[in-house]
Amino acid sequence: MPNAKYKLRKEDLVQVIAGKERGKQGKVLKIDRENGRVIVSGLNMVKKAMKKKSQTDRGGIVAVEAPIHISNVMIVCKKCNKPVRAGYKIIDGKKKRVCRKCGEVL
């Protein structure tokens, strides 16, 4: 689905709800809207062979975050401290994301 609209944003705290990293939390580093994937800091780590790019740069095998499908992560509410669905409400004339469980602004 090219350039789909998602309720997740960069820097959001999310929890993985499916896959080998289920139950773990991390911050969203990047959102790939074209492929519907997110990169979460410290999660879904894979080993990757990197080529030396400069004299000071070290090549070799490094661990990097691999993308996770956006359907496998949920935003974590600060008040509930649980993964929740996000909704929208008009607050002070502006559209804000809110927790569907407690109504707290995300």
N, C-alpha and C. Protein backbone atom coordinates (compact mmCIF):
# COMPACT_ATOMS: atom_id res chain seq x y z
N MET A 1 0.84 -1.17 0.00
CA MET A 1 0.00 0.00 0.00
C MET A 1 0.89 1.24 0.00
N PRO A 2 1.10 1.87 -1.11
CA PRO A 2 2.02 3.00 -1.15
C PRO A 2 1.55 4.20 -0.33
N ASN A 3 2.47 4.73 0.47
CA ASN A 3 2.23 5.92 1.30
C ASN A 3 0.95 5.84 2.12
N ALA A 4 0.76 4.74 2.83
CA ALA A 4 -0.41 4.57 3.68
C ALA A 4 -0.30 5.45 4.92
N LYS A 5 -1.43 5.78 5.53
CA LYS A 5 -1.47 6.60 6.73
C LYS A 5 -1.42 5.68 7.94
N TYR A 6 -0.47 5.93 8.83
CA TYR A 6 -0.33 5.14 10.05
C TYR A 6 -0.42 6.05 11.26
N LYS A 7 -0.84 5.50 12.39
CA LYS A 7 -0.97 6.28 13.60
C LYS A 7 0.33 6.31 14.40
N LEU A 8 1.35 5.65 13.91
CA LEU A 8 2.67 5.66 14.55
C LEU A 8 3.50 6.81 14.02
N ARG A 9 4.38 7.33 14.87
CA ARG A 9 5.31 8.38 14.48
C ARG A 9 6.69 8.03 14.99
N LYS A 10 7.69 8.72 14.45
CA LYS A 10 9.06 8.56 14.91
C LYS A 10 9.12 8.94 16.38
N GLU A 11 9.97 8.26 17.15
CA GLU A 11 10.18 8.49 18.59
C GLU A 11 9.06 7.94 19.47
N ASP A 12 8.02 7.31 18.91
CA ASP A 12 6.97 6.69 19.72
C ASP A 12 7.52 5.45 20.41
N LEU A 13 7.08 5.20 21.65
CA LEU A 13 7.43 3.97 22.35
C LEU A 13 6.42 2.91 21.91
N VAL A 14 6.93 1.79 21.36
CA VAL A 14 6.06 0.73 20.88
C VAL A 14 6.44 -0.60 21.51
N GLN A 15 5.48 -1.53 21.51
CA GLN A 15 5.71 -2.89 21.99
C GLN A 15 5.42 -3.85 20.86
N VAL A 16 6.30 -4.85 20.70
CA VAL A 16 6.11 -5.86 19.66
C VAL A 16 5.08 -6.85 20.17
N ILE A 17 4.05 -7.15 19.34
CA ILE A 17 2.96 -8.03 19.78
C ILE A 17 2.99 -9.39 19.09
N ALA A 18 3.91 -9.56 18.12
CA ALA A 18 4.00 -10.85 17.41
C ALA A 18 5.43 -11.08 16.95
N GLY A 19 5.82 -12.34 16.83
CA GLY A 19 7.15 -12.69 16.34
C GLY A 19 8.11 -13.01 17.46
N LYS A 20 9.38 -13.18 17.10
CA LYS A 20 10.39 -13.61 18.07
C LYS A 20 10.70 -12.57 19.13
N GLU A 21 10.39 -11.31 18.86
CA GLU A 21 10.66 -10.22 19.81
C GLU A 21 9.41 -9.84 20.61
N ARG A 22 8.38 -10.71 20.63
CA ARG A 22 7.12 -10.41 21.30
C ARG A 22 7.32 -9.98 22.75
N GLY A 23 6.64 -8.88 23.13
CA GLY A 23 6.69 -8.40 24.51
C GLY A 23 7.74 -7.35 24.77
N LYS A 24 8.69 -7.17 23.86
CA LYS A 24 9.76 -6.20 24.06
C LYS A 24 9.33 -4.82 23.58
N GLN A 25 9.90 -3.79 24.23
CA GLN A 25 9.55 -2.41 23.89
C GLN A 25 10.77 -1.65 23.38
N GLY A 26 10.51 -0.64 22.57
CA GLY A 26 11.58 0.20 22.06
C GLY A 26 11.00 1.41 21.34
N LYS A 27 11.87 2.37 21.01
CA LYS A 27 11.45 3.59 20.30
C LYS A 27 11.54 3.38 18.80
N VAL A 28 10.60 3.97 18.07
CA VAL A 28 10.59 3.90 16.61
C VAL A 28 11.69 4.82 16.08
N LEU A 29 12.60 4.24 15.27
CA LEU A 29 13.68 5.02 14.67
C LEU A 29 13.29 5.52 13.29
N LYS A 30 12.59 4.67 12.53
CA LYS A 30 12.26 5.00 11.15
C LYS A 30 10.97 4.29 10.75
N ILE A 31 10.15 4.93 9.93
CA ILE A 31 8.93 4.32 9.40
C ILE A 31 9.03 4.28 7.89
N ASP A 32 8.90 3.08 7.32
CA ASP A 32 8.91 2.90 5.87
C ASP A 32 7.45 2.77 5.42
N ARG A 33 6.87 3.88 4.98
CA ARG A 33 5.45 3.90 4.61
C ARG A 33 5.17 3.12 3.33
N GLU A 34 6.17 3.03 2.45
CA GLU A 34 6.00 2.30 1.19
C GLU A 34 5.74 0.81 1.44
N ASN A 35 6.54 0.22 2.35
CA ASN A 35 6.46 -1.22 2.62
C ASN A 35 5.72 -1.56 3.90
N GLY A 36 5.27 -0.55 4.66
CA GLY A 36 4.52 -0.79 5.89
C GLY A 36 5.37 -1.43 6.98
N ARG A 37 6.59 -0.93 7.15
CA ARG A 37 7.51 -1.49 8.13
C ARG A 37 8.10 -0.39 9.01
N VAL A 38 8.51 -0.79 10.22
CA VAL A 38 9.15 0.14 11.15
C VAL A 38 10.46 -0.45 11.65
N ILE A 39 11.41 0.42 11.98
CA ILE A 39 12.65 -0.01 12.61
C ILE A 39 12.59 0.48 14.04
N VAL A 40 12.71 -0.48 14.99
CA VAL A 40 12.61 -0.18 16.42
C VAL A 40 14.00 -0.34 17.04
N SER A 41 14.41 0.63 17.85
CA SER A 41 15.77 0.61 18.42
C SER A 41 15.98 -0.61 19.32
N GLY A 42 17.06 -1.32 19.03
CA GLY A 42 17.47 -2.46 19.85
C GLY A 42 16.67 -3.73 19.63
N LEU A 43 15.73 -3.75 18.70
CA LEU A 43 14.91 -4.94 18.47
C LEU A 43 15.13 -5.49 17.07
N ASN A 44 14.93 -6.79 16.91
CA ASN A 44 15.06 -7.50 15.63
C ASN A 44 16.46 -7.31 15.05
N MET A 45 17.47 -7.53 15.89
CA MET A 45 18.86 -7.33 15.49
C MET A 45 19.32 -8.47 14.57
N VAL A 46 20.02 -8.09 13.49
CA VAL A 46 20.59 -9.07 12.56
C VAL A 46 22.06 -8.71 12.33
N LYS A 47 22.85 -9.73 12.01
CA LYS A 47 24.26 -9.51 11.70
C LYS A 47 24.38 -9.16 10.23
N LYS A 48 25.20 -8.15 9.93
CA LYS A 48 25.35 -7.70 8.55
C LYS A 48 26.83 -7.45 8.28
N ALA A 49 27.30 -7.92 7.13
CA ALA A 49 28.68 -7.68 6.74
C ALA A 49 28.79 -6.29 6.15
N MET A 50 29.63 -5.45 6.73
CA MET A 50 29.80 -4.07 6.29
C MET A 50 31.18 -3.89 5.68
N LYS A 51 31.22 -3.20 4.56
CA LYS A 51 32.47 -2.90 3.89
C LYS A 51 33.10 -1.66 4.50
N LYS A 52 34.42 -1.61 4.54
CA LYS A 52 35.14 -0.46 5.04
C LYS A 52 34.91 0.71 4.09
N LYS A 53 34.42 1.84 4.60
CA LYS A 53 34.11 2.99 3.74
C LYS A 53 35.23 4.03 3.73
N SER A 54 35.98 4.13 4.84
CA SER A 54 37.10 5.08 4.91
C SER A 54 38.23 4.46 5.71
N GLN A 55 39.34 5.17 5.82
CA GLN A 55 40.52 4.67 6.55
C GLN A 55 40.20 4.44 8.03
N THR A 56 39.44 5.36 8.62
CA THR A 56 39.13 5.26 10.05
C THR A 56 37.97 4.31 10.33
N ASP A 57 37.11 4.11 9.35
CA ASP A 57 35.93 3.25 9.49
C ASP A 57 36.36 1.79 9.58
N ARG A 58 35.71 1.05 10.49
CA ARG A 58 36.01 -0.37 10.61
C ARG A 58 34.98 -1.18 9.84
N GLY A 59 35.44 -2.11 9.05
CA GLY A 59 34.54 -3.02 8.34
C GLY A 59 34.26 -4.22 9.22
N GLY A 60 33.67 -5.26 8.64
CA GLY A 60 33.42 -6.49 9.38
C GLY A 60 31.94 -6.75 9.58
N ILE A 61 31.65 -7.62 10.54
CA ILE A 61 30.27 -8.01 10.81
C ILE A 61 29.73 -7.16 11.96
N VAL A 62 28.63 -6.45 11.69
CA VAL A 62 28.01 -5.59 12.70
C VAL A 62 26.55 -5.98 12.88
N ALA A 63 26.02 -5.68 14.07
CA ALA A 63 24.61 -5.95 14.36
C ALA A 63 23.80 -4.69 14.07
N VAL A 64 22.76 -4.81 13.25
CA VAL A 64 21.89 -3.68 12.93
C VAL A 64 20.43 -4.08 13.12
N GLU A 65 19.56 -3.07 13.32
CA GLU A 65 18.13 -3.34 13.48
C GLU A 65 17.51 -3.63 12.11
N ALA A 66 16.74 -4.70 12.04
CA ALA A 66 16.01 -5.04 10.82
C ALA A 66 14.57 -4.54 10.98
N PRO A 67 13.88 -4.23 9.86
CA PRO A 67 12.51 -3.74 9.96
C PRO A 67 11.52 -4.81 10.44
N ILE A 68 10.49 -4.36 11.14
CA ILE A 68 9.38 -5.21 11.62
C ILE A 68 8.13 -4.69 10.94
N HIS A 69 7.21 -5.58 10.58
CA HIS A 69 5.96 -5.13 9.95
C HIS A 69 5.18 -4.30 10.95
N ILE A 70 4.57 -3.23 10.45
CA ILE A 70 3.87 -2.26 11.30
C ILE A 70 2.68 -2.89 12.04
N SER A 71 2.12 -3.96 11.50
CA SER A 71 0.98 -4.62 12.15
C SER A 71 1.42 -5.40 13.38
N ASN A 72 2.72 -5.63 13.54
CA ASN A 72 3.24 -6.40 14.66
C ASN A 72 3.70 -5.54 15.84
N VAL A 73 3.46 -4.22 15.75
CA VAL A 73 3.80 -3.34 16.87
C VAL A 73 2.58 -2.51 17.27
N MET A 74 2.51 -2.17 18.57
CA MET A 74 1.44 -1.32 19.09
C MET A 74 2.07 -0.22 19.94
N ILE A 75 1.48 0.96 19.88
CA ILE A 75 1.95 2.10 20.66
C ILE A 75 1.67 1.84 22.14
N VAL A 76 2.58 2.28 23.01
CA VAL A 76 2.44 2.09 24.46
C VAL A 76 1.98 3.40 25.08
N CYS A 77 0.88 3.33 25.84
CA CYS A 77 0.34 4.50 26.54
C CYS A 77 1.19 4.78 27.78
N LYS A 78 1.51 6.06 28.02
CA LYS A 78 2.33 6.43 29.19
C LYS A 78 1.57 6.21 30.50
N LYS A 79 0.26 6.44 30.48
CA LYS A 79 -0.55 6.31 31.69
C LYS A 79 -0.87 4.84 31.99
N CYS A 80 -1.36 4.09 31.00
CA CYS A 80 -1.71 2.68 31.18
C CYS A 80 -0.47 1.79 31.28
N ASN A 81 0.63 2.21 30.61
CA ASN A 81 1.87 1.42 30.47
C ASN A 81 1.60 0.08 29.81
N LYS A 82 0.66 0.06 28.87
CA LYS A 82 0.30 -1.14 28.13
C LYS A 82 0.18 -0.79 26.65
N PRO A 83 0.33 -1.78 25.76
CA PRO A 83 0.12 -1.50 24.34
C PRO A 83 -1.36 -1.23 24.09
N VAL A 84 -1.65 -0.13 23.39
CA VAL A 84 -3.03 0.28 23.14
C VAL A 84 -3.23 0.68 21.69
N ARG A 85 -4.48 0.74 21.28
CA ARG A 85 -4.82 1.29 19.97
C ARG A 85 -4.93 2.80 20.13
N ALA A 86 -4.55 3.51 19.09
CA ALA A 86 -4.62 4.97 19.13
C ALA A 86 -5.86 5.43 18.38
N GLY A 87 -6.49 6.46 18.93
CA GLY A 87 -7.63 7.08 18.28
C GLY A 87 -7.35 8.57 18.13
N TYR A 88 -8.26 9.30 17.54
CA TYR A 88 -8.10 10.73 17.36
C TYR A 88 -9.25 11.47 18.02
N LYS A 89 -8.93 12.59 18.67
CA LYS A 89 -9.95 13.47 19.26
C LYS A 89 -9.54 14.91 18.99
N ILE A 90 -10.52 15.77 18.85
CA ILE A 90 -10.26 17.20 18.67
C ILE A 90 -10.14 17.81 20.07
N ILE A 91 -8.94 18.29 20.41
CA ILE A 91 -8.69 18.90 21.71
C ILE A 91 -8.13 20.30 21.46
N ASP A 92 -8.81 21.31 21.99
CA ASP A 92 -8.43 22.72 21.79
C ASP A 92 -8.30 23.08 20.31
N GLY A 93 -9.20 22.55 19.50
CA GLY A 93 -9.22 22.86 18.07
C GLY A 93 -8.17 22.13 17.25
N LYS A 94 -7.41 21.23 17.87
CA LYS A 94 -6.38 20.47 17.16
C LYS A 94 -6.66 18.98 17.28
N LYS A 95 -6.36 18.23 16.20
CA LYS A 95 -6.56 16.79 16.19
C LYS A 95 -5.38 16.12 16.90
N LYS A 96 -5.66 15.39 17.97
CA LYS A 96 -4.62 14.75 18.77
C LYS A 96 -4.84 13.25 18.81
N ARG A 97 -3.74 12.49 18.94
CA ARG A 97 -3.84 11.04 19.12
C ARG A 97 -4.11 10.75 20.59
N VAL A 98 -5.08 9.89 20.86
CA VAL A 98 -5.43 9.55 22.24
C VAL A 98 -5.47 8.03 22.42
N CYS A 99 -5.26 7.61 23.67
CA CYS A 99 -5.33 6.19 24.05
C CYS A 99 -6.80 5.78 24.04
N ARG A 100 -7.10 4.63 23.41
CA ARG A 100 -8.48 4.16 23.36
C ARG A 100 -8.96 3.60 24.68
N LYS A 101 -8.01 3.24 25.59
CA LYS A 101 -8.39 2.68 26.90
C LYS A 101 -8.70 3.76 27.92
N CYS A 102 -7.79 4.76 28.05
CA CYS A 102 -7.95 5.75 29.12
C CYS A 102 -8.21 7.17 28.63
N GLY A 103 -8.03 7.43 27.33
CA GLY A 103 -8.28 8.76 26.80
C GLY A 103 -7.12 9.72 26.91
N GLU A 104 -5.98 9.26 27.45
CA GLU A 104 -4.77 10.09 27.61
C GLU A 104 -4.20 10.46 26.24
N VAL A 105 -3.71 11.70 26.10
CA VAL A 105 -3.10 12.14 24.84
C VAL A 105 -1.75 11.43 24.68
N LEU A 106 -1.54 10.85 23.51
CA LEU A 106 -0.30 10.10 23.24
C LEU A 106 0.78 11.02 22.69
